[in-house]
Amino acid sequence: MQWYDGPARAPARKPLDEPGLGRFSILVDDIQAEYRRLSAAGVPFVAPPGVSKTIHGDFWVAVAIDPDNVNVQLIQPPSSLS
């Protein structure tokens, strides 16, 4: 994913929408089910599932924090791209 908006330089602690993100992404088939499953297991989320509109369709995205404090982005692509 590439952000086209936002500052050109990122601060030391980066918000989710700034360049140079410290995260990795995992494609999922059902983001709502994964969100429920991981939340029930105690995984913290900094961004619950939400829609990210793109020229390729609507992607569902959520961001969790792993035990090492790394952002883990779950992405459900539009059905047209699955």
PDB file of N, CA and C in Angstrom:
ATOM      1  N   MET A   1       0.844  -1.159   0.000  1.00  0.00           N
ATOM      2  CA  MET A   1       0.000   0.000   0.000  1.00  0.00           C
ATOM      3  C   MET A   1       0.891   1.224   0.000  1.00  0.00           C
ATOM      4  N   GLN A   2       0.545   2.210  -0.754  1.00  0.00           N
ATOM      5  CA  GLN A   2       1.324   3.445  -0.807  1.00  0.00           C
ATOM      6  C   GLN A   2       0.419   4.614  -0.464  1.00  0.00           C
ATOM      7  N   TRP A   3       0.878   5.452   0.469  1.00  0.00           N
ATOM      8  CA  TRP A   3       0.119   6.621   0.865  1.00  0.00           C
ATOM      9  C   TRP A   3       0.511   7.797  -0.023  1.00  0.00           C
ATOM     10  N   TYR A   4      -0.472   8.486  -0.571  1.00  0.00           N
ATOM     11  CA  TYR A   4      -0.208   9.640  -1.407  1.00  0.00           C
ATOM     12  C   TYR A   4      -0.382  10.947  -0.646  1.00  0.00           C
ATOM     13  N   ASP A   5      -1.022  10.894   0.514  1.00  0.00           N
ATOM     14  CA  ASP A   5      -1.240  12.082   1.333  1.00  0.00           C
ATOM     15  C   ASP A   5      -0.330  12.019   2.546  1.00  0.00           C
ATOM     16  N   GLY A   6      -0.223  13.092   3.234  1.00  0.00           N
ATOM     17  CA  GLY A   6       0.534  13.100   4.476  1.00  0.00           C
ATOM     18  C   GLY A   6       1.884  13.773   4.315  1.00  0.00           C
ATOM     19  N   PRO A   7       2.570  13.923   5.424  1.00  0.00           N
ATOM     20  CA  PRO A   7       3.859  14.610   5.403  1.00  0.00           C
ATOM     21  C   PRO A   7       4.906  13.851   4.585  1.00  0.00           C
ATOM     22  N   ALA A   8       5.887  14.573   4.071  1.00  0.00           N
ATOM     23  CA  ALA A   8       6.963  13.946   3.300  1.00  0.00           C
ATOM     24  C   ALA A   8       7.974  13.258   4.220  1.00  0.00           C
ATOM     25  N   ARG A   9       8.078  13.732   5.453  1.00  0.00           N
ATOM     26  CA  ARG A   9       8.998  13.123   6.413  1.00  0.00           C
ATOM     27  C   ARG A   9       8.210  12.618   7.602  1.00  0.00           C
ATOM     28  N   ALA A  10       8.606  11.461   8.110  1.00  0.00           N
ATOM     29  CA  ALA A  10       7.898  10.853   9.235  1.00  0.00           C
ATOM     30  C   ALA A  10       8.602  11.173  10.557  1.00  0.00           C
ATOM     31  N   PRO A  11       7.833  11.390  11.630  1.00  0.00           N
ATOM     32  CA  PRO A  11       8.441  11.592  12.951  1.00  0.00           C
ATOM     33  C   PRO A  11       8.970  10.259  13.489  1.00  0.00           C
ATOM     34  N   ALA A  12       9.640  10.301  14.633  1.00  0.00           N
ATOM     35  CA  ALA A  12      10.208   9.084  15.216  1.00  0.00           C
ATOM     36  C   ALA A  12       9.132   8.024  15.477  1.00  0.00           C
ATOM     37  N   ARG A  13       8.006   8.408  16.044  1.00  0.00           N
ATOM     38  CA  ARG A  13       6.890   7.484  16.270  1.00  0.00           C
ATOM     39  C   ARG A  13       5.891   7.743  15.169  1.00  0.00           C
ATOM     40  N   LYS A  14       5.750   6.795  14.264  1.00  0.00           N
ATOM     41  CA  LYS A  14       4.967   7.022  13.051  1.00  0.00           C
ATOM     42  C   LYS A  14       3.498   6.655  13.219  1.00  0.00           C
ATOM     43  N   PRO A  15       2.602   7.592  12.874  1.00  0.00           N
ATOM     44  CA  PRO A  15       1.190   7.235  12.775  1.00  0.00           C
ATOM     45  C   PRO A  15       0.991   6.253  11.618  1.00  0.00           C
ATOM     46  N   LEU A  16      -0.145   5.610  11.567  1.00  0.00           N
ATOM     47  CA  LEU A  16      -0.396   4.574  10.562  1.00  0.00           C
ATOM     48  C   LEU A  16      -0.400   5.082   9.131  1.00  0.00           C
ATOM     49  N   ASP A  17      -0.632   6.385   8.919  1.00  0.00           N
ATOM     50  CA  ASP A  17      -0.778   6.889   7.548  1.00  0.00           C
ATOM     51  C   ASP A  17       0.418   7.683   7.048  1.00  0.00           C
ATOM     52  N   GLU A  18       1.603   7.479   7.618  1.00  0.00           N
ATOM     53  CA  GLU A  18       2.777   8.234   7.194  1.00  0.00           C
ATOM     54  C   GLU A  18       3.793   7.349   6.489  1.00  0.00           C
ATOM     55  N   PRO A  19       4.644   7.941   5.651  1.00  0.00           N
ATOM     56  CA  PRO A  19       5.671   7.183   4.933  1.00  0.00           C
ATOM     57  C   PRO A  19       6.620   6.472   5.896  1.00  0.00           C
ATOM     58  N   GLY A  20       7.172   5.364   5.452  1.00  0.00           N
ATOM     59  CA  GLY A  20       8.138   4.632   6.257  1.00  0.00           C
ATOM     60  C   GLY A  20       7.500   3.816   7.359  1.00  0.00           C
ATOM     61  N   LEU A  21       6.329   3.281   7.097  1.00  0.00           N
ATOM     62  CA  LEU A  21       5.595   2.549   8.117  1.00  0.00           C
ATOM     63  C   LEU A  21       6.340   1.308   8.576  1.00  0.00           C
ATOM     64  N   GLY A  22       6.284   1.034   9.862  1.00  0.00           N
ATOM     65  CA  GLY A  22       6.846  -0.193  10.417  1.00  0.00           C
ATOM     66  C   GLY A  22       5.742  -1.210  10.610  1.00  0.00           C
ATOM     67  N   ARG A  23       5.400  -1.902   9.551  1.00  0.00           N
ATOM     68  CA  ARG A  23       4.339  -2.915   9.640  1.00  0.00           C
ATOM     69  C   ARG A  23       4.483  -3.906   8.506  1.00  0.00           C
ATOM     70  N   PHE A  24       3.758  -4.990   8.608  1.00  0.00           N
ATOM     71  CA  PHE A  24       3.628  -5.898   7.483  1.00  0.00           C
ATOM     72  C   PHE A  24       2.161  -6.245   7.336  1.00  0.00           C
ATOM     73  N   SER A  25       1.797  -6.728   6.166  1.00  0.00           N
ATOM     74  CA  SER A  25       0.388  -6.982   5.857  1.00  0.00           C
ATOM     75  C   SER A  25       0.146  -8.447   5.567  1.00  0.00           C
ATOM     76  N   ILE A  26      -1.049  -8.885   5.926  1.00  0.00           N
ATOM     77  CA  ILE A  26      -1.491 -10.252   5.684  1.00  0.00           C
ATOM     78  C   ILE A  26      -2.836 -10.184   4.976  1.00  0.00           C
ATOM     79  N   LEU A  27      -2.953 -10.862   3.844  1.00  0.00           N
ATOM     80  CA  LEU A  27      -4.247 -10.952   3.153  1.00  0.00           C
ATOM     81  C   LEU A  27      -5.135 -11.954   3.869  1.00  0.00           C
ATOM     82  N   VAL A  28      -6.394 -11.596   4.065  1.00  0.00           N
ATOM     83  CA  VAL A  28      -7.365 -12.486   4.696  1.00  0.00           C
ATOM     84  C   VAL A  28      -8.621 -12.561   3.834  1.00  0.00           C
ATOM     85  N   ASP A  29      -9.350 -13.648   3.972  1.00  0.00           N
ATOM     86  CA  ASP A  29     -10.592 -13.823   3.221  1.00  0.00           C
ATOM     87  C   ASP A  29     -11.781 -13.159   3.895  1.00  0.00           C
ATOM     88  N   ASP A  30     -11.788 -13.138   5.246  1.00  0.00           N
ATOM     89  CA  ASP A  30     -12.921 -12.599   6.001  1.00  0.00           C
ATOM     90  C   ASP A  30     -12.369 -11.779   7.162  1.00  0.00           C
ATOM     91  N   ILE A  31     -12.187 -10.488   6.952  1.00  0.00           N
ATOM     92  CA  ILE A  31     -11.553  -9.645   7.961  1.00  0.00           C
ATOM     93  C   ILE A  31     -12.385  -9.535   9.231  1.00  0.00           C
ATOM     94  N   GLN A  32     -13.711  -9.538   9.098  1.00  0.00           N
ATOM     95  CA  GLN A  32     -14.568  -9.439  10.290  1.00  0.00           C
ATOM     96  C   GLN A  32     -14.390 -10.666  11.181  1.00  0.00           C
ATOM     97  N   ALA A  33     -14.332 -11.848  10.577  1.00  0.00           N
ATOM     98  CA  ALA A  33     -14.136 -13.086  11.346  1.00  0.00           C
ATOM     99  C   ALA A  33     -12.754 -13.092  12.013  1.00  0.00           C
ATOM    100  N   GLU A  34     -11.732 -12.653  11.296  1.00  0.00           N
ATOM    101  CA  GLU A  34     -10.380 -12.608  11.868  1.00  0.00           C
ATOM    102  C   GLU A  34     -10.305 -11.585  12.993  1.00  0.00           C
ATOM    103  N   TYR A  35     -10.962 -10.457  12.817  1.00  0.00           N
ATOM    104  CA  TYR A  35     -10.989  -9.434  13.864  1.00  0.00           C
ATOM    105  C   TYR A  35     -11.647  -9.986  15.131  1.00  0.00           C
ATOM    106  N   ARG A  36     -12.779 -10.649  14.973  1.00  0.00           N
ATOM    107  CA  ARG A  36     -13.465 -11.237  16.137  1.00  0.00           C
ATOM    108  C   ARG A  36     -12.582 -12.301  16.807  1.00  0.00           C
ATOM    109  N   ARG A  37     -11.979 -13.173  16.006  1.00  0.00           N
ATOM    110  CA  ARG A  37     -11.156 -14.266  16.534  1.00  0.00           C
ATOM    111  C   ARG A  37      -9.939 -13.718  17.285  1.00  0.00           C
ATOM    112  N   LEU A  38      -9.226 -12.777  16.673  1.00  0.00           N
ATOM    113  CA  LEU A  38      -8.025 -12.230  17.300  1.00  0.00           C
ATOM    114  C   LEU A  38      -8.361 -11.368  18.518  1.00  0.00           C
ATOM    115  N   SER A  39      -9.420 -10.584  18.435  1.00  0.00           N
ATOM    116  CA  SER A  39      -9.839  -9.774  19.584  1.00  0.00           C
ATOM    117  C   SER A  39     -10.205 -10.659  20.767  1.00  0.00           C
ATOM    118  N   ALA A  40     -10.922 -11.746  20.501  1.00  0.00           N
ATOM    119  CA  ALA A  40     -11.308 -12.680  21.571  1.00  0.00           C
ATOM    120  C   ALA A  40     -10.082 -13.337  22.205  1.00  0.00           C
ATOM    121  N   ALA A  41      -9.008 -13.469  21.438  1.00  0.00           N
ATOM    122  CA  ALA A  41      -7.767 -14.065  21.947  1.00  0.00           C
ATOM    123  C   ALA A  41      -6.903 -13.028  22.669  1.00  0.00           C
ATOM    124  N   GLY A  42      -7.368 -11.768  22.733  1.00  0.00           N
ATOM    125  CA  GLY A  42      -6.660 -10.724  23.456  1.00  0.00           C
ATOM    126  C   GLY A  42      -5.693  -9.903  22.625  1.00  0.00           C
ATOM    127  N   VAL A  43      -5.737 -10.049  21.303  1.00  0.00           N
ATOM    128  CA  VAL A  43      -4.855  -9.257  20.438  1.00  0.00           C
ATOM    129  C   VAL A  43      -5.377  -7.822  20.389  1.00  0.00           C
ATOM    130  N   PRO A  44      -4.528  -6.838  20.724  1.00  0.00           N
ATOM    131  CA  PRO A  44      -4.977  -5.442  20.660  1.00  0.00           C
ATOM    132  C   PRO A  44      -4.980  -4.930  19.223  1.00  0.00           C
ATOM    133  N   PHE A  45      -5.951  -4.084  18.937  1.00  0.00           N
ATOM    134  CA  PHE A  45      -6.064  -3.444  17.622  1.00  0.00           C
ATOM    135  C   PHE A  45      -5.963  -1.941  17.789  1.00  0.00           C
ATOM    136  N   VAL A  46      -5.204  -1.287  16.903  1.00  0.00           N
ATOM    137  CA  VAL A  46      -5.149   0.180  16.889  1.00  0.00           C
ATOM    138  C   VAL A  46      -6.097   0.736  15.841  1.00  0.00           C
ATOM    139  N   ALA A  47      -6.566  -0.129  14.934  1.00  0.00           N
ATOM    140  CA  ALA A  47      -7.541   0.262  13.924  1.00  0.00           C
ATOM    141  C   ALA A  47      -8.438  -0.937  13.637  1.00  0.00           C
ATOM    142  N   PRO A  48      -9.711  -0.861  14.040  1.00  0.00           N
ATOM    143  CA  PRO A  48     -10.631  -1.952  13.727  1.00  0.00           C
ATOM    144  C   PRO A  48     -10.920  -1.984  12.225  1.00  0.00           C
ATOM    145  N   PRO A  49     -11.579  -3.027  11.742  1.00  0.00           N
ATOM    146  CA  PRO A  49     -11.862  -3.097  10.307  1.00  0.00           C
ATOM    147  C   PRO A  49     -12.576  -1.855   9.788  1.00  0.00           C
ATOM    148  N   GLY A  50     -12.065  -1.352   8.682  1.00  0.00           N
ATOM    149  CA  GLY A  50     -12.655  -0.199   8.017  1.00  0.00           C
ATOM    150  C   GLY A  50     -12.365  -0.281   6.534  1.00  0.00           C
ATOM    151  N   VAL A  51     -13.121   0.465   5.763  1.00  0.00           N
ATOM    152  CA  VAL A  51     -12.989   0.423   4.301  1.00  0.00           C
ATOM    153  C   VAL A  51     -11.966   1.450   3.835  1.00  0.00           C
ATOM    154  N   SER A  52     -11.098   1.016   2.940  1.00  0.00           N
ATOM    155  CA  SER A  52     -10.155   1.903   2.263  1.00  0.00           C
ATOM    156  C   SER A  52     -10.512   1.887   0.783  1.00  0.00           C
ATOM    157  N   LYS A  53     -11.021   2.999   0.292  1.00  0.00           N
ATOM    158  CA  LYS A  53     -11.473   3.070  -1.104  1.00  0.00           C
ATOM    159  C   LYS A  53     -10.287   3.313  -2.032  1.00  0.00           C
ATOM    160  N   THR A  54     -10.192   2.514  -3.086  1.00  0.00           N
ATOM    161  CA  THR A  54      -9.111   2.666  -4.060  1.00  0.00           C
ATOM    162  C   THR A  54      -9.701   2.595  -5.468  1.00  0.00           C
ATOM    163  N   ILE A  55      -8.877   2.862  -6.458  1.00  0.00           N
ATOM    164  CA  ILE A  55      -9.340   2.753  -7.844  1.00  0.00           C
ATOM    165  C   ILE A  55      -9.612   1.302  -8.226  1.00  0.00           C
ATOM    166  N   HIS A  56      -9.121   0.365  -7.425  1.00  0.00           N
ATOM    167  CA  HIS A  56      -9.326  -1.061  -7.688  1.00  0.00           C
ATOM    168  C   HIS A  56     -10.514  -1.632  -6.919  1.00  0.00           C
ATOM    169  N   GLY A  57     -11.180  -0.800  -6.145  1.00  0.00           N
ATOM    170  CA  GLY A  57     -12.320  -1.249  -5.354  1.00  0.00           C
ATOM    171  C   GLY A  57     -12.084  -0.976  -3.879  1.00  0.00           C
ATOM    172  N   ASP A  58     -13.029  -1.410  -3.071  1.00  0.00           N
ATOM    173  CA  ASP A  58     -12.962  -1.187  -1.627  1.00  0.00           C
ATOM    174  C   ASP A  58     -12.206  -2.316  -0.944  1.00  0.00           C
ATOM    175  N   PHE A  59     -11.103  -1.970  -0.284  1.00  0.00           N
ATOM    176  CA  PHE A  59     -10.346  -2.918   0.523  1.00  0.00           C
ATOM    177  C   PHE A  59     -10.771  -2.744   1.972  1.00  0.00           C
ATOM    178  N   TRP A  60     -10.905  -3.838   2.704  1.00  0.00           N
ATOM    179  CA  TRP A  60     -11.124  -3.767   4.141  1.00  0.00           C
ATOM    180  C   TRP A  60      -9.763  -3.897   4.806  1.00  0.00           C
ATOM    181  N   VAL A  61      -9.492  -3.049   5.800  1.00  0.00           N
ATOM    182  CA  VAL A  61      -8.193  -3.015   6.462  1.00  0.00           C
ATOM    183  C   VAL A  61      -8.395  -2.908   7.972  1.00  0.00           C
ATOM    184  N   ALA A  62      -7.579  -3.628   8.737  1.00  0.00           N
ATOM    185  CA  ALA A  62      -7.531  -3.509  10.192  1.00  0.00           C
ATOM    186  C   ALA A  62      -6.062  -3.603  10.590  1.00  0.00           C
ATOM    187  N   VAL A  63      -5.704  -2.993  11.723  1.00  0.00           N
ATOM    188  CA  VAL A  63      -4.313  -3.029  12.172  1.00  0.00           C
ATOM    189  C   VAL A  63      -4.257  -3.485  13.628  1.00  0.00           C
ATOM    190  N   ALA A  64      -3.529  -4.581  13.847  1.00  0.00           N
ATOM    191  CA  ALA A  64      -3.314  -5.131  15.180  1.00  0.00           C
ATOM    192  C   ALA A  64      -1.877  -4.846  15.607  1.00  0.00           C
ATOM    193  N   ILE A  65      -1.590  -5.080  16.888  1.00  0.00           N
ATOM    194  CA  ILE A  65      -0.238  -4.945  17.421  1.00  0.00           C
ATOM    195  C   ILE A  65       0.201  -6.325  17.902  1.00  0.00           C
ATOM    196  N   ASP A  66       1.354  -6.788  17.402  1.00  0.00           N
ATOM    197  CA  ASP A  66       1.840  -8.105  17.814  1.00  0.00           C
ATOM    198  C   ASP A  66       2.601  -7.987  19.136  1.00  0.00           C
ATOM    199  N   PRO A  67       3.011  -9.111  19.727  1.00  0.00           N
ATOM    200  CA  PRO A  67       3.697  -9.061  21.034  1.00  0.00           C
ATOM    201  C   PRO A  67       4.995  -8.255  21.028  1.00  0.00           C
ATOM    202  N   ASP A  68       5.607  -8.053  19.860  1.00  0.00           N
ATOM    203  CA  ASP A  68       6.830  -7.251  19.774  1.00  0.00           C
ATOM    204  C   ASP A  68       6.544  -5.793  19.450  1.00  0.00           C
ATOM    205  N   ASN A  69       5.275  -5.390  19.557  1.00  0.00           N
ATOM    206  CA  ASN A  69       4.840  -4.015  19.290  1.00  0.00           C
ATOM    207  C   ASN A  69       4.978  -3.620  17.818  1.00  0.00           C
ATOM    208  N   VAL A  70       4.801  -4.595  16.926  1.00  0.00           N
ATOM    209  CA  VAL A  70       4.848  -4.352  15.487  1.00  0.00           C
ATOM    210  C   VAL A  70       3.417  -4.263  14.959  1.00  0.00           C
ATOM    211  N   ASN A  71       3.161  -3.286  14.092  1.00  0.00           N
ATOM    212  CA  ASN A  71       1.844  -3.175  13.459  1.00  0.00           C
ATOM    213  C   ASN A  71       1.667  -4.312  12.470  1.00  0.00           C
ATOM    214  N   VAL A  72       0.565  -5.028  12.574  1.00  0.00           N
ATOM    215  CA  VAL A  72       0.226  -6.107  11.647  1.00  0.00           C
ATOM    216  C   VAL A  72      -1.082  -5.720  10.975  1.00  0.00           C
ATOM    217  N   GLN A  73      -1.010  -5.471   9.689  1.00  0.00           N
ATOM    218  CA  GLN A  73      -2.176  -5.015   8.933  1.00  0.00           C
ATOM    219  C   GLN A  73      -2.858  -6.204   8.271  1.00  0.00           C
ATOM    220  N   LEU A  74      -4.139  -6.364   8.538  1.00  0.00           N
ATOM    221  CA  LEU A  74      -4.952  -7.377   7.861  1.00  0.00           C
ATOM    222  C   LEU A  74      -5.653  -6.683   6.702  1.00  0.00           C
ATOM    223  N   ILE A  75      -5.611  -7.297   5.533  1.00  0.00           N
ATOM    224  CA  ILE A  75      -6.231  -6.705   4.350  1.00  0.00           C
ATOM    225  C   ILE A  75      -7.132  -7.733   3.688  1.00  0.00           C
ATOM    226  N   GLN A  76      -8.378  -7.337   3.440  1.00  0.00           N
ATOM    227  CA  GLN A  76      -9.311  -8.135   2.663  1.00  0.00           C
ATOM    228  C   GLN A  76      -9.555  -7.389   1.359  1.00  0.00           C
ATOM    229  N   PRO A  77      -9.027  -7.922   0.230  1.00  0.00           N
ATOM    230  CA  PRO A  77      -9.204  -7.219  -1.044  1.00  0.00           C
ATOM    231  C   PRO A  77     -10.636  -7.326  -1.538  1.00  0.00           C
ATOM    232  N   PRO A  78     -11.008  -6.475  -2.472  1.00  0.00           N
ATOM    233  CA  PRO A  78     -12.344  -6.577  -3.063  1.00  0.00           C
ATOM    234  C   PRO A  78     -12.514  -7.963  -3.707  1.00  0.00           C
ATOM    235  N   SER A  79     -13.732  -8.449  -3.732  1.00  0.00           N
ATOM    236  CA  SER A  79     -13.991  -9.779  -4.305  1.00  0.00           C
ATOM    237  C   SER A  79     -13.548  -9.857  -5.773  1.00  0.00           C
ATOM    238  N   SER A  80     -13.545  -8.728  -6.475  1.00  0.00           N
ATOM    239  CA  SER A  80     -13.118  -8.713  -7.877  1.00  0.00           C
ATOM    240  C   SER A  80     -11.630  -9.024  -8.033  1.00  0.00           C
ATOM    241  N   LEU A  81     -10.853  -8.870  -6.964  1.00  0.00           N
ATOM    242  CA  LEU A  81      -9.420  -9.141  -7.020  1.00  0.00           C
ATOM    243  C   LEU A  81      -9.035 -10.447  -6.318  1.00  0.00           C
ATOM    244  N   SER A  82      -9.975 -11.073  -5.655  1.00  0.00           N
ATOM    245  CA  SER A  82      -9.667 -12.297  -4.899  1.00  0.00           C
ATOM    246  C   SER A  82      -9.426 -13.461  -5.803  1.00  0.00           C
TER     247      SER A  82
END
